Amino acid sequence: MNNKIFVRLIFCLALIMPGCSKDVRVSPQSGQGEQGSVLGKAAGAAQQSAVSAGAKQISGVGFFDETDECNALSQGASYALKMTGGIVGCHFVFVDEFKCSPSGTYYEKGRELFVGTYNGETGRFWTTYNFEAKYEGCAVDGSFLGAEIFGRCQHPIVEGSGEGVFHGVTGRLDLRDDIEAGNYPYTGHLRWF
């Protein structure tokens, strides 16, 4: 009887603690029969919970580097953001592709290099990003026209790209444009393996 309660408890935990990232590992037991499958899911959930428990939550605000203190051209970047809060430094943006629909919906993809500090220690890492926004209109070349109405983007950290304090880091940053304030609040998590 205790084994049934234990299996149900583990199964309930698997339902309660799903991971939000796409890098959830599949348990080796997942291909077994019904009982093995439940135990495999529970083991996978426990492993994901342990990974999540090791994640460091960060937040802060990014600001467009209007005065080019980061010297974006020296990195070959399209522009840079100055990051404050959980990570402090320069976030260089390299736009790889973009398109804008007639309704003003704008999509952009690219890469980014963060160079700065975490807890006072220096390092760097790369991300990829997907940016979605709504603007007043679109230009013929697919860029946006007019004022931004809203925007948000996701920035998964490229595994293996970290150096210094970020050596072995994975995770993700999420930015949501604050149109009124003219800045970019972010939240995210960093994990070291």
N, C-alpha and C. Protein backbone atom coordinates (compact mmCIF):
# COMPACT_ATOMS: atom_id res chain seq x y z
N MET A 1 0.82 -1.20 0.00
CA MET A 1 0.00 0.00 0.00
C MET A 1 0.86 1.26 0.00
N ASN A 2 1.96 1.24 0.76
CA ASN A 2 2.84 2.41 0.81
C ASN A 2 3.47 2.69 -0.55
N ASN A 3 3.76 1.64 -1.34
CA ASN A 3 4.34 1.84 -2.66
C ASN A 3 3.37 2.58 -3.58
N LYS A 4 2.07 2.26 -3.49
CA LYS A 4 1.07 2.95 -4.32
C LYS A 4 0.99 4.42 -3.94
N ILE A 5 1.02 4.71 -2.66
CA ILE A 5 0.96 6.10 -2.20
C ILE A 5 2.21 6.84 -2.68
N PHE A 6 3.36 6.20 -2.57
CA PHE A 6 4.61 6.83 -3.01
C PHE A 6 4.57 7.14 -4.51
N VAL A 7 4.12 6.16 -5.32
CA VAL A 7 4.04 6.36 -6.77
C VAL A 7 3.07 7.48 -7.08
N ARG A 8 1.92 7.55 -6.41
CA ARG A 8 0.95 8.62 -6.64
C ARG A 8 1.52 9.98 -6.24
N LEU A 9 2.24 10.01 -5.13
CA LEU A 9 2.86 11.26 -4.68
C LEU A 9 3.87 11.75 -5.71
N ILE A 10 4.71 10.84 -6.20
CA ILE A 10 5.70 11.20 -7.21
C ILE A 10 5.00 11.68 -8.48
N PHE A 11 3.94 10.98 -8.88
CA PHE A 11 3.19 11.38 -10.07
C PHE A 11 2.60 12.77 -9.90
N CYS A 12 2.03 13.06 -8.73
CA CYS A 12 1.47 14.39 -8.45
C CYS A 12 2.56 15.45 -8.51
N LEU A 13 3.74 15.15 -7.96
CA LEU A 13 4.85 16.10 -8.03
C LEU A 13 5.26 16.36 -9.48
N ALA A 14 5.20 15.32 -10.30
CA ALA A 14 5.54 15.48 -11.71
C ALA A 14 4.56 16.42 -12.40
N LEU A 15 3.31 16.41 -11.98
CA LEU A 15 2.31 17.30 -12.56
C LEU A 15 2.45 18.72 -12.03
N ILE A 16 2.88 18.85 -10.79
CA ILE A 16 2.95 20.17 -10.15
C ILE A 16 4.20 20.93 -10.57
N MET A 17 5.32 20.25 -10.78
CA MET A 17 6.60 20.93 -11.00
C MET A 17 7.13 20.76 -12.41
N PRO A 18 6.35 21.09 -13.45
CA PRO A 18 6.93 20.98 -14.80
C PRO A 18 7.93 22.11 -15.03
N GLY A 19 8.94 21.84 -15.84
CA GLY A 19 9.91 22.87 -16.19
C GLY A 19 9.35 23.76 -17.28
N CYS A 20 9.80 25.03 -17.32
CA CYS A 20 9.32 25.95 -18.35
C CYS A 20 10.28 26.05 -19.52
N SER A 21 11.39 25.38 -19.44
CA SER A 21 12.33 25.49 -20.55
C SER A 21 12.18 24.31 -21.50
N LYS A 22 12.71 24.49 -22.71
CA LYS A 22 12.61 23.45 -23.73
C LYS A 22 13.67 22.38 -23.57
N ASP A 23 14.58 22.55 -22.59
CA ASP A 23 15.68 21.60 -22.47
C ASP A 23 15.43 20.55 -21.40
N VAL A 24 14.16 20.14 -21.21
CA VAL A 24 13.83 19.11 -20.24
C VAL A 24 14.38 17.79 -20.76
N ARG A 25 15.10 17.09 -19.93
CA ARG A 25 15.70 15.82 -20.33
C ARG A 25 14.70 14.68 -20.19
N VAL A 26 14.73 13.75 -21.14
CA VAL A 26 13.85 12.59 -21.11
C VAL A 26 14.52 11.52 -20.26
N SER A 27 13.76 10.93 -19.36
CA SER A 27 14.29 9.88 -18.50
C SER A 27 14.47 8.60 -19.29
N PRO A 28 15.52 7.83 -19.00
CA PRO A 28 15.73 6.56 -19.71
C PRO A 28 14.58 5.58 -19.50
N GLN A 29 13.83 5.68 -18.42
CA GLN A 29 12.73 4.75 -18.15
C GLN A 29 11.47 5.09 -18.94
N SER A 30 11.45 6.21 -19.69
CA SER A 30 10.21 6.67 -20.30
C SER A 30 9.64 5.71 -21.34
N GLY A 31 10.42 4.78 -21.87
CA GLY A 31 9.90 3.85 -22.85
C GLY A 31 9.38 2.57 -22.23
N GLN A 32 9.35 2.40 -20.91
CA GLN A 32 8.92 1.17 -20.27
C GLN A 32 7.40 1.12 -20.14
N GLY A 33 6.91 0.05 -19.51
CA GLY A 33 5.48 -0.15 -19.33
C GLY A 33 4.83 0.94 -18.49
N GLU A 34 3.54 0.75 -18.17
CA GLU A 34 2.78 1.80 -17.48
C GLU A 34 3.42 2.20 -16.16
N GLN A 35 3.79 1.24 -15.31
CA GLN A 35 4.39 1.59 -14.03
C GLN A 35 5.75 2.23 -14.25
N GLY A 36 6.56 1.69 -15.16
CA GLY A 36 7.86 2.26 -15.48
C GLY A 36 7.71 3.66 -16.04
N SER A 37 6.66 3.87 -16.83
CA SER A 37 6.42 5.17 -17.41
C SER A 37 6.13 6.21 -16.32
N VAL A 38 5.29 5.86 -15.36
CA VAL A 38 4.97 6.77 -14.26
C VAL A 38 6.22 7.07 -13.45
N LEU A 39 7.00 6.02 -13.17
CA LEU A 39 8.23 6.23 -12.41
C LEU A 39 9.23 7.04 -13.22
N GLY A 40 9.29 6.81 -14.54
CA GLY A 40 10.19 7.58 -15.40
C GLY A 40 9.82 9.05 -15.41
N LYS A 41 8.52 9.34 -15.50
CA LYS A 41 8.08 10.74 -15.46
C LYS A 41 8.42 11.37 -14.13
N ALA A 42 8.22 10.63 -13.05
CA ALA A 42 8.53 11.16 -11.72
C ALA A 42 10.03 11.43 -11.59
N ALA A 43 10.85 10.50 -12.10
CA ALA A 43 12.29 10.70 -12.03
C ALA A 43 12.70 11.90 -12.87
N GLY A 44 12.10 12.04 -14.07
CA GLY A 44 12.39 13.19 -14.92
C GLY A 44 11.98 14.49 -14.26
N ALA A 45 10.82 14.50 -13.59
CA ALA A 45 10.36 15.69 -12.90
C ALA A 45 11.27 16.03 -11.73
N ALA A 46 11.73 15.00 -11.02
CA ALA A 46 12.64 15.24 -9.90
C ALA A 46 13.95 15.81 -10.40
N GLN A 47 14.45 15.30 -11.55
CA GLN A 47 15.68 15.81 -12.12
C GLN A 47 15.48 17.26 -12.57
N GLN A 48 14.38 17.56 -13.24
CA GLN A 48 14.10 18.92 -13.68
C GLN A 48 13.98 19.85 -12.48
N SER A 49 13.35 19.37 -11.40
CA SER A 49 13.21 20.18 -10.19
C SER A 49 14.57 20.51 -9.61
N ALA A 50 15.48 19.55 -9.62
CA ALA A 50 16.82 19.80 -9.11
C ALA A 50 17.54 20.83 -9.97
N VAL A 51 17.35 20.76 -11.31
CA VAL A 51 17.95 21.74 -12.19
C VAL A 51 17.36 23.11 -11.92
N SER A 52 16.02 23.19 -11.81
CA SER A 52 15.36 24.46 -11.55
C SER A 52 15.78 25.03 -10.22
N ALA A 53 15.99 24.16 -9.23
CA ALA A 53 16.39 24.63 -7.91
C ALA A 53 17.75 25.29 -7.98
N GLY A 54 18.61 24.89 -8.94
CA GLY A 54 19.93 25.48 -9.07
C GLY A 54 19.94 26.75 -9.90
N ALA A 55 18.81 27.12 -10.47
CA ALA A 55 18.75 28.31 -11.31
C ALA A 55 18.78 29.56 -10.45
N LYS A 56 19.53 30.56 -10.90
CA LYS A 56 19.60 31.85 -10.22
C LYS A 56 18.69 32.82 -10.97
N GLN A 57 17.66 33.30 -10.29
CA GLN A 57 16.74 34.26 -10.91
C GLN A 57 17.39 35.63 -10.94
N ILE A 58 17.26 36.30 -12.07
CA ILE A 58 17.80 37.65 -12.20
C ILE A 58 16.75 38.57 -12.79
N SER A 59 16.90 39.84 -12.55
CA SER A 59 16.02 40.84 -13.15
C SER A 59 16.74 42.18 -13.15
N GLY A 60 16.25 43.08 -13.94
CA GLY A 60 16.84 44.41 -14.03
C GLY A 60 16.23 45.17 -15.19
N VAL A 61 16.94 46.18 -15.64
CA VAL A 61 16.45 47.03 -16.72
C VAL A 61 17.59 47.28 -17.70
N GLY A 62 17.27 47.18 -18.98
CA GLY A 62 18.21 47.54 -20.03
C GLY A 62 17.84 48.89 -20.60
N PHE A 63 18.85 49.64 -21.03
CA PHE A 63 18.64 50.97 -21.61
C PHE A 63 19.38 51.04 -22.94
N PHE A 64 18.74 51.63 -23.94
CA PHE A 64 19.39 51.83 -25.22
C PHE A 64 20.63 52.68 -25.00
N ASP A 65 21.76 52.24 -25.53
CA ASP A 65 23.04 52.94 -25.37
C ASP A 65 23.12 54.11 -26.35
N GLU A 66 22.42 55.18 -26.04
CA GLU A 66 22.33 56.34 -26.93
C GLU A 66 23.67 57.01 -27.16
N THR A 67 24.52 57.07 -26.15
CA THR A 67 25.81 57.76 -26.27
C THR A 67 26.92 56.81 -26.72
N ASP A 68 26.59 55.57 -26.98
CA ASP A 68 27.52 54.53 -27.43
C ASP A 68 28.70 54.33 -26.48
N GLU A 69 28.40 54.33 -25.18
CA GLU A 69 29.43 54.03 -24.18
C GLU A 69 29.98 52.62 -24.37
N CYS A 70 29.16 51.71 -24.86
CA CYS A 70 29.59 50.32 -25.07
C CYS A 70 30.44 50.17 -26.32
N ASN A 71 30.42 51.18 -27.20
CA ASN A 71 31.17 51.14 -28.46
C ASN A 71 30.74 49.94 -29.30
N ALA A 72 29.46 49.94 -29.67
CA ALA A 72 28.86 48.84 -30.43
C ALA A 72 29.60 48.57 -31.74
N LEU A 73 30.08 49.62 -32.40
CA LEU A 73 30.79 49.42 -33.67
C LEU A 73 32.05 48.59 -33.50
N SER A 74 32.70 48.68 -32.34
CA SER A 74 33.93 47.89 -32.13
C SER A 74 33.63 46.40 -32.12
N GLN A 75 32.40 46.03 -31.81
CA GLN A 75 32.00 44.62 -31.81
C GLN A 75 31.32 44.23 -33.12
N GLY A 76 31.09 45.23 -34.00
CA GLY A 76 30.37 44.96 -35.24
C GLY A 76 28.87 44.82 -35.03
N ALA A 77 28.39 45.31 -33.90
CA ALA A 77 26.98 45.17 -33.53
C ALA A 77 26.11 46.25 -34.17
N SER A 78 24.83 45.95 -34.30
CA SER A 78 23.87 46.92 -34.81
C SER A 78 23.65 48.04 -33.80
N TYR A 79 23.60 47.67 -32.53
CA TYR A 79 23.47 48.63 -31.42
C TYR A 79 23.73 47.87 -30.12
N ALA A 80 23.68 48.58 -29.00
CA ALA A 80 23.89 47.93 -27.70
C ALA A 80 22.89 48.45 -26.68
N LEU A 81 22.64 47.62 -25.69
CA LEU A 81 21.86 48.01 -24.51
C LEU A 81 22.80 48.01 -23.32
N LYS A 82 22.62 48.97 -22.43
CA LYS A 82 23.35 48.97 -21.16
C LYS A 82 22.45 48.27 -20.15
N MET A 83 22.93 47.18 -19.57
CA MET A 83 22.14 46.37 -18.65
C MET A 83 22.47 46.71 -17.20
N THR A 84 21.43 46.80 -16.38
CA THR A 84 21.58 47.05 -14.95
C THR A 84 20.82 45.96 -14.20
N GLY A 85 21.09 45.81 -12.92
CA GLY A 85 20.36 44.83 -12.11
C GLY A 85 21.17 43.58 -11.89
N GLY A 86 20.57 42.42 -12.18
CA GLY A 86 21.22 41.12 -11.94
C GLY A 86 22.48 40.93 -12.74
N ILE A 87 22.50 41.44 -13.96
CA ILE A 87 23.71 41.47 -14.77
C ILE A 87 23.95 42.93 -15.13
N VAL A 88 25.22 43.33 -15.15
CA VAL A 88 25.57 44.72 -15.41
C VAL A 88 26.61 44.74 -16.53
N GLY A 89 26.32 45.49 -17.59
CA GLY A 89 27.29 45.58 -18.67
C GLY A 89 26.65 45.94 -19.99
N CYS A 90 27.30 45.55 -21.07
CA CYS A 90 26.86 45.87 -22.42
C CYS A 90 26.30 44.64 -23.11
N HIS A 91 25.14 44.81 -23.71
CA HIS A 91 24.45 43.73 -24.42
C HIS A 91 24.43 44.13 -25.89
N PHE A 92 25.36 43.56 -26.68
CA PHE A 92 25.51 43.91 -28.09
C PHE A 92 24.53 43.10 -28.93
N VAL A 93 23.80 43.79 -29.83
CA VAL A 93 22.75 43.17 -30.64
C VAL A 93 23.21 43.11 -32.10
N PHE A 94 23.13 41.90 -32.69
CA PHE A 94 23.46 41.66 -34.08
C PHE A 94 22.19 41.18 -34.78
N VAL A 95 21.56 42.05 -35.56
CA VAL A 95 20.32 41.73 -36.26
C VAL A 95 20.66 40.88 -37.47
N ASP A 96 20.08 39.67 -37.54
CA ASP A 96 20.32 38.77 -38.67
C ASP A 96 19.20 38.82 -39.71
N GLU A 97 17.97 38.95 -39.27
CA GLU A 97 16.85 39.02 -40.22
C GLU A 97 15.68 39.76 -39.58
N PHE A 98 14.85 40.35 -40.43
CA PHE A 98 13.66 41.06 -39.94
C PHE A 98 12.62 41.11 -41.05
N LYS A 99 11.38 41.28 -40.64
CA LYS A 99 10.28 41.47 -41.60
C LYS A 99 9.15 42.18 -40.87
N CYS A 100 8.36 42.88 -41.66
CA CYS A 100 7.25 43.64 -41.09
C CYS A 100 6.02 43.40 -41.97
N SER A 101 4.90 43.07 -41.36
CA SER A 101 3.67 42.84 -42.12
C SER A 101 2.95 44.17 -42.34
N PRO A 102 2.04 44.24 -43.29
CA PRO A 102 1.32 45.49 -43.55
C PRO A 102 0.58 46.04 -42.33
N SER A 103 0.25 45.17 -41.38
CA SER A 103 -0.46 45.64 -40.18
C SER A 103 0.47 46.30 -39.17
N GLY A 104 1.80 46.26 -39.41
CA GLY A 104 2.76 46.84 -38.48
C GLY A 104 3.35 45.83 -37.51
N THR A 105 3.01 44.55 -37.68
CA THR A 105 3.59 43.50 -36.84
C THR A 105 5.01 43.23 -37.34
N TYR A 106 5.97 43.39 -36.44
CA TYR A 106 7.38 43.32 -36.80
C TYR A 106 8.03 42.13 -36.11
N TYR A 107 8.82 41.36 -36.86
CA TYR A 107 9.55 40.21 -36.34
C TYR A 107 11.03 40.41 -36.64
N GLU A 108 11.86 40.06 -35.65
CA GLU A 108 13.30 40.20 -35.82
C GLU A 108 13.99 39.03 -35.14
N LYS A 109 15.07 38.52 -35.75
CA LYS A 109 15.88 37.45 -35.18
C LYS A 109 17.34 37.87 -35.25
N GLY A 110 18.10 37.35 -34.29
CA GLY A 110 19.52 37.67 -34.33
C GLY A 110 20.28 37.01 -33.20
N ARG A 111 21.48 37.56 -32.96
CA ARG A 111 22.38 37.08 -31.91
C ARG A 111 22.76 38.25 -31.03
N GLU A 112 23.21 37.95 -29.82
CA GLU A 112 23.63 39.00 -28.90
C GLU A 112 24.83 38.53 -28.09
N LEU A 113 25.68 39.46 -27.75
CA LEU A 113 26.83 39.20 -26.91
C LEU A 113 26.71 40.07 -25.67
N PHE A 114 26.62 39.45 -24.50
CA PHE A 114 26.64 40.21 -23.25
C PHE A 114 28.07 40.17 -22.71
N VAL A 115 28.59 41.35 -22.37
CA VAL A 115 29.91 41.49 -21.76
C VAL A 115 29.73 42.34 -20.51
N GLY A 116 30.02 41.75 -19.34
CA GLY A 116 29.82 42.50 -18.12
C GLY A 116 30.06 41.68 -16.88
N THR A 117 29.26 41.95 -15.85
CA THR A 117 29.48 41.31 -14.56
C THR A 117 28.21 40.66 -14.02
N TYR A 118 28.44 39.67 -13.17
CA TYR A 118 27.39 39.03 -12.38
C TYR A 118 27.99 38.87 -10.98
N ASN A 119 27.33 39.41 -9.98
CA ASN A 119 27.85 39.38 -8.60
C ASN A 119 29.28 39.92 -8.52
N GLY A 120 29.57 40.94 -9.30
CA GLY A 120 30.88 41.59 -9.25
C GLY A 120 31.99 40.88 -10.01
N GLU A 121 31.71 39.73 -10.63
CA GLU A 121 32.72 38.99 -11.39
C GLU A 121 32.44 39.16 -12.88
N THR A 122 33.51 39.27 -13.67
CA THR A 122 33.36 39.55 -15.09
C THR A 122 33.21 38.29 -15.92
N GLY A 123 32.59 38.48 -17.09
CA GLY A 123 32.42 37.38 -18.03
C GLY A 123 31.63 37.82 -19.23
N ARG A 124 31.31 36.84 -20.06
CA ARG A 124 30.54 37.11 -21.28
C ARG A 124 29.80 35.86 -21.70
N PHE A 125 28.72 36.03 -22.46
CA PHE A 125 27.99 34.91 -23.05
C PHE A 125 27.22 35.41 -24.27
N TRP A 126 26.85 34.47 -25.12
CA TRP A 126 26.06 34.76 -26.32
C TRP A 126 24.63 34.29 -26.13
N THR A 127 23.70 34.98 -26.77
CA THR A 127 22.31 34.53 -26.84
C THR A 127 21.88 34.55 -28.31
N THR A 128 20.77 33.90 -28.57
CA THR A 128 20.02 34.13 -29.79
C THR A 128 18.77 34.87 -29.33
N TYR A 129 18.05 35.49 -30.24
CA TYR A 129 16.82 36.16 -29.80
C TYR A 129 15.77 36.18 -30.90
N ASN A 130 14.53 36.25 -30.45
CA ASN A 130 13.36 36.45 -31.30
C ASN A 130 12.61 37.64 -30.73
N PHE A 131 12.44 38.67 -31.53
CA PHE A 131 11.76 39.89 -31.11
C PHE A 131 10.46 40.02 -31.89
N GLU A 132 9.37 40.31 -31.18
CA GLU A 132 8.07 40.56 -31.79
C GLU A 132 7.56 41.89 -31.28
N ALA A 133 7.05 42.72 -32.19
CA ALA A 133 6.56 44.03 -31.79
C ALA A 133 5.45 44.49 -32.73
N LYS A 134 4.79 45.53 -32.31
CA LYS A 134 3.76 46.17 -33.13
C LYS A 134 4.18 47.63 -33.27
N TYR A 135 4.27 48.09 -34.51
CA TYR A 135 4.63 49.47 -34.82
C TYR A 135 3.49 50.13 -35.57
N GLU A 136 3.60 51.44 -35.77
CA GLU A 136 2.57 52.17 -36.50
C GLU A 136 2.50 51.76 -37.96
N GLY A 137 3.60 51.30 -38.51
CA GLY A 137 3.59 50.88 -39.91
C GLY A 137 4.88 50.19 -40.30
N CYS A 138 4.99 49.91 -41.60
CA CYS A 138 6.15 49.21 -42.14
C CYS A 138 6.70 49.94 -43.36
N ALA A 139 8.01 49.84 -43.55
CA ALA A 139 8.65 50.39 -44.73
C ALA A 139 8.70 49.33 -45.81
N VAL A 140 8.98 49.73 -47.03
CA VAL A 140 9.04 48.82 -48.17
C VAL A 140 10.11 47.76 -47.96
N ASP A 141 11.22 48.11 -47.30
CA ASP A 141 12.32 47.15 -47.11
C ASP A 141 12.08 46.16 -45.97
N GLY A 142 10.91 46.21 -45.32
CA GLY A 142 10.58 45.28 -44.24
C GLY A 142 10.93 45.79 -42.86
N SER A 143 11.49 46.98 -42.76
CA SER A 143 11.75 47.56 -41.44
C SER A 143 10.47 48.24 -40.94
N PHE A 144 10.49 48.68 -39.70
CA PHE A 144 9.30 49.30 -39.11
C PHE A 144 9.31 50.81 -39.36
N LEU A 145 8.11 51.40 -39.28
CA LEU A 145 7.94 52.85 -39.39
C LEU A 145 7.13 53.34 -38.19
N GLY A 146 7.41 54.54 -37.75
CA GLY A 146 6.63 55.15 -36.68
C GLY A 146 6.98 54.61 -35.31
N ALA A 147 6.10 54.92 -34.39
CA ALA A 147 6.34 54.58 -32.98
C ALA A 147 6.01 53.12 -32.69
N GLU A 148 6.73 52.56 -31.72
CA GLU A 148 6.45 51.21 -31.24
C GLU A 148 5.21 51.25 -30.33
N ILE A 149 4.32 50.30 -30.50
CA ILE A 149 3.11 50.19 -29.67
C ILE A 149 3.36 49.22 -28.52
N PHE A 150 3.97 48.08 -28.82
CA PHE A 150 4.43 47.14 -27.79
C PHE A 150 5.49 46.25 -28.39
N GLY A 151 6.27 45.61 -27.52
CA GLY A 151 7.30 44.69 -27.99
C GLY A 151 7.81 43.80 -26.88
N ARG A 152 8.28 42.61 -27.26
CA ARG A 152 8.85 41.67 -26.30
C ARG A 152 9.80 40.74 -27.03
N CYS A 153 10.74 40.16 -26.29
CA CYS A 153 11.66 39.22 -26.92
C CYS A 153 12.18 38.21 -25.92
N GLN A 154 12.61 37.08 -26.45
CA GLN A 154 13.18 35.99 -25.67
C GLN A 154 14.62 35.78 -26.11
N HIS A 155 15.49 35.53 -25.12
CA HIS A 155 16.93 35.44 -25.38
C HIS A 155 17.52 34.20 -24.72
N PRO A 156 17.42 33.03 -25.35
CA PRO A 156 18.07 31.84 -24.77
C PRO A 156 19.59 31.96 -24.88
N ILE A 157 20.27 31.61 -23.81
CA ILE A 157 21.73 31.65 -23.79
C ILE A 157 22.26 30.47 -24.59
N VAL A 158 23.22 30.73 -25.45
CA VAL A 158 23.83 29.69 -26.27
C VAL A 158 24.72 28.82 -25.37
N GLU A 159 24.38 27.55 -25.28
CA GLU A 159 25.13 26.63 -24.43
C GLU A 159 26.58 26.55 -24.88
N GLY A 160 27.49 26.63 -23.91
CA GLY A 160 28.92 26.55 -24.20
C GLY A 160 29.56 27.88 -24.57
N SER A 161 28.78 28.97 -24.63
CA SER A 161 29.33 30.26 -25.06
C SER A 161 29.87 31.09 -23.91
N GLY A 162 29.59 30.69 -22.67
CA GLY A 162 29.98 31.50 -21.53
C GLY A 162 31.47 31.47 -21.23
N GLU A 163 31.98 32.62 -20.81
CA GLU A 163 33.38 32.75 -20.39
C GLU A 163 33.40 33.50 -19.06
N GLY A 164 34.49 33.34 -18.32
CA GLY A 164 34.64 34.00 -17.03
C GLY A 164 33.58 33.50 -16.06
N VAL A 165 32.91 34.41 -15.37
CA VAL A 165 31.89 34.01 -14.40
C VAL A 165 30.74 33.24 -15.06
N PHE A 166 30.57 33.39 -16.36
CA PHE A 166 29.49 32.72 -17.07
C PHE A 166 29.93 31.40 -17.72
N HIS A 167 31.13 30.92 -17.40
CA HIS A 167 31.58 29.64 -17.94
C HIS A 167 30.60 28.53 -17.52
N GLY A 168 30.05 27.80 -18.48
CA GLY A 168 29.11 26.72 -18.21
C GLY A 168 27.68 27.18 -17.97
N VAL A 169 27.37 28.43 -18.26
CA VAL A 169 26.02 28.94 -17.99
C VAL A 169 25.04 28.58 -19.11
N THR A 170 23.80 28.32 -18.73
CA THR A 170 22.66 28.22 -19.65
C THR A 170 21.55 29.03 -19.03
N GLY A 171 20.45 29.17 -19.73
CA GLY A 171 19.32 29.91 -19.18
C GLY A 171 18.68 30.77 -20.25
N ARG A 172 17.96 31.79 -19.81
CA ARG A 172 17.23 32.64 -20.74
C ARG A 172 16.92 33.98 -20.10
N LEU A 173 16.91 35.02 -20.92
CA LEU A 173 16.46 36.35 -20.52
C LEU A 173 15.20 36.66 -21.31
N ASP A 174 14.24 37.30 -20.68
CA ASP A 174 13.03 37.76 -21.35
C ASP A 174 12.90 39.25 -21.13
N LEU A 175 12.77 40.01 -22.22
CA LEU A 175 12.62 41.46 -22.14
C LEU A 175 11.25 41.85 -22.65
N ARG A 176 10.67 42.84 -22.00
CA ARG A 176 9.40 43.42 -22.44
C ARG A 176 9.61 44.92 -22.52
N ASP A 177 9.41 45.50 -23.68
CA ASP A 177 9.66 46.92 -23.87
C ASP A 177 8.67 47.74 -23.06
N ASP A 178 9.18 48.67 -22.27
CA ASP A 178 8.35 49.63 -21.54
C ASP A 178 8.31 50.90 -22.38
N ILE A 179 7.27 51.04 -23.18
CA ILE A 179 7.17 52.13 -24.15
C ILE A 179 7.16 53.48 -23.46
N GLU A 180 6.40 53.63 -22.38
CA GLU A 180 6.31 54.91 -21.68
C GLU A 180 7.64 55.33 -21.08
N ALA A 181 8.32 54.42 -20.42
CA ALA A 181 9.60 54.75 -19.76
C ALA A 181 10.76 54.76 -20.76
N GLY A 182 10.60 54.09 -21.90
CA GLY A 182 11.67 54.05 -22.89
C GLY A 182 12.82 53.15 -22.49
N ASN A 183 12.52 52.06 -21.77
CA ASN A 183 13.57 51.12 -21.38
C ASN A 183 13.08 49.69 -21.57
N TYR A 184 13.91 48.73 -21.12
CA TYR A 184 13.64 47.32 -21.39
C TYR A 184 13.81 46.48 -20.13
N PRO A 185 12.77 46.39 -19.29
CA PRO A 185 12.87 45.53 -18.09
C PRO A 185 13.06 44.06 -18.51
N TYR A 186 13.88 43.34 -17.75
CA TYR A 186 14.11 41.94 -18.06
C TYR A 186 14.00 41.08 -16.80
N THR A 187 13.66 39.84 -17.03
CA THR A 187 13.72 38.80 -16.00
C THR A 187 14.41 37.61 -16.66
N GLY A 188 14.91 36.71 -15.85
CA GLY A 188 15.54 35.56 -16.43
C GLY A 188 16.09 34.62 -15.38
N HIS A 189 16.74 33.59 -15.85
CA HIS A 189 17.39 32.63 -14.96
C HIS A 189 18.70 32.19 -15.58
N LEU A 190 19.67 31.96 -14.70
CA LEU A 190 20.99 31.48 -15.10
C LEU A 190 21.22 30.17 -14.38
N ARG A 191 21.74 29.17 -15.09
CA ARG A 191 22.09 27.87 -14.52
C ARG A 191 23.50 27.52 -14.94
N TRP A 192 24.26 26.96 -14.01
CA TRP A 192 25.61 26.51 -14.33
C TRP A 192 25.67 25.00 -14.26
N PHE A 193 26.32 24.37 -15.24
CA PHE A 193 26.47 22.93 -15.27
C PHE A 193 27.93 22.56 -15.24
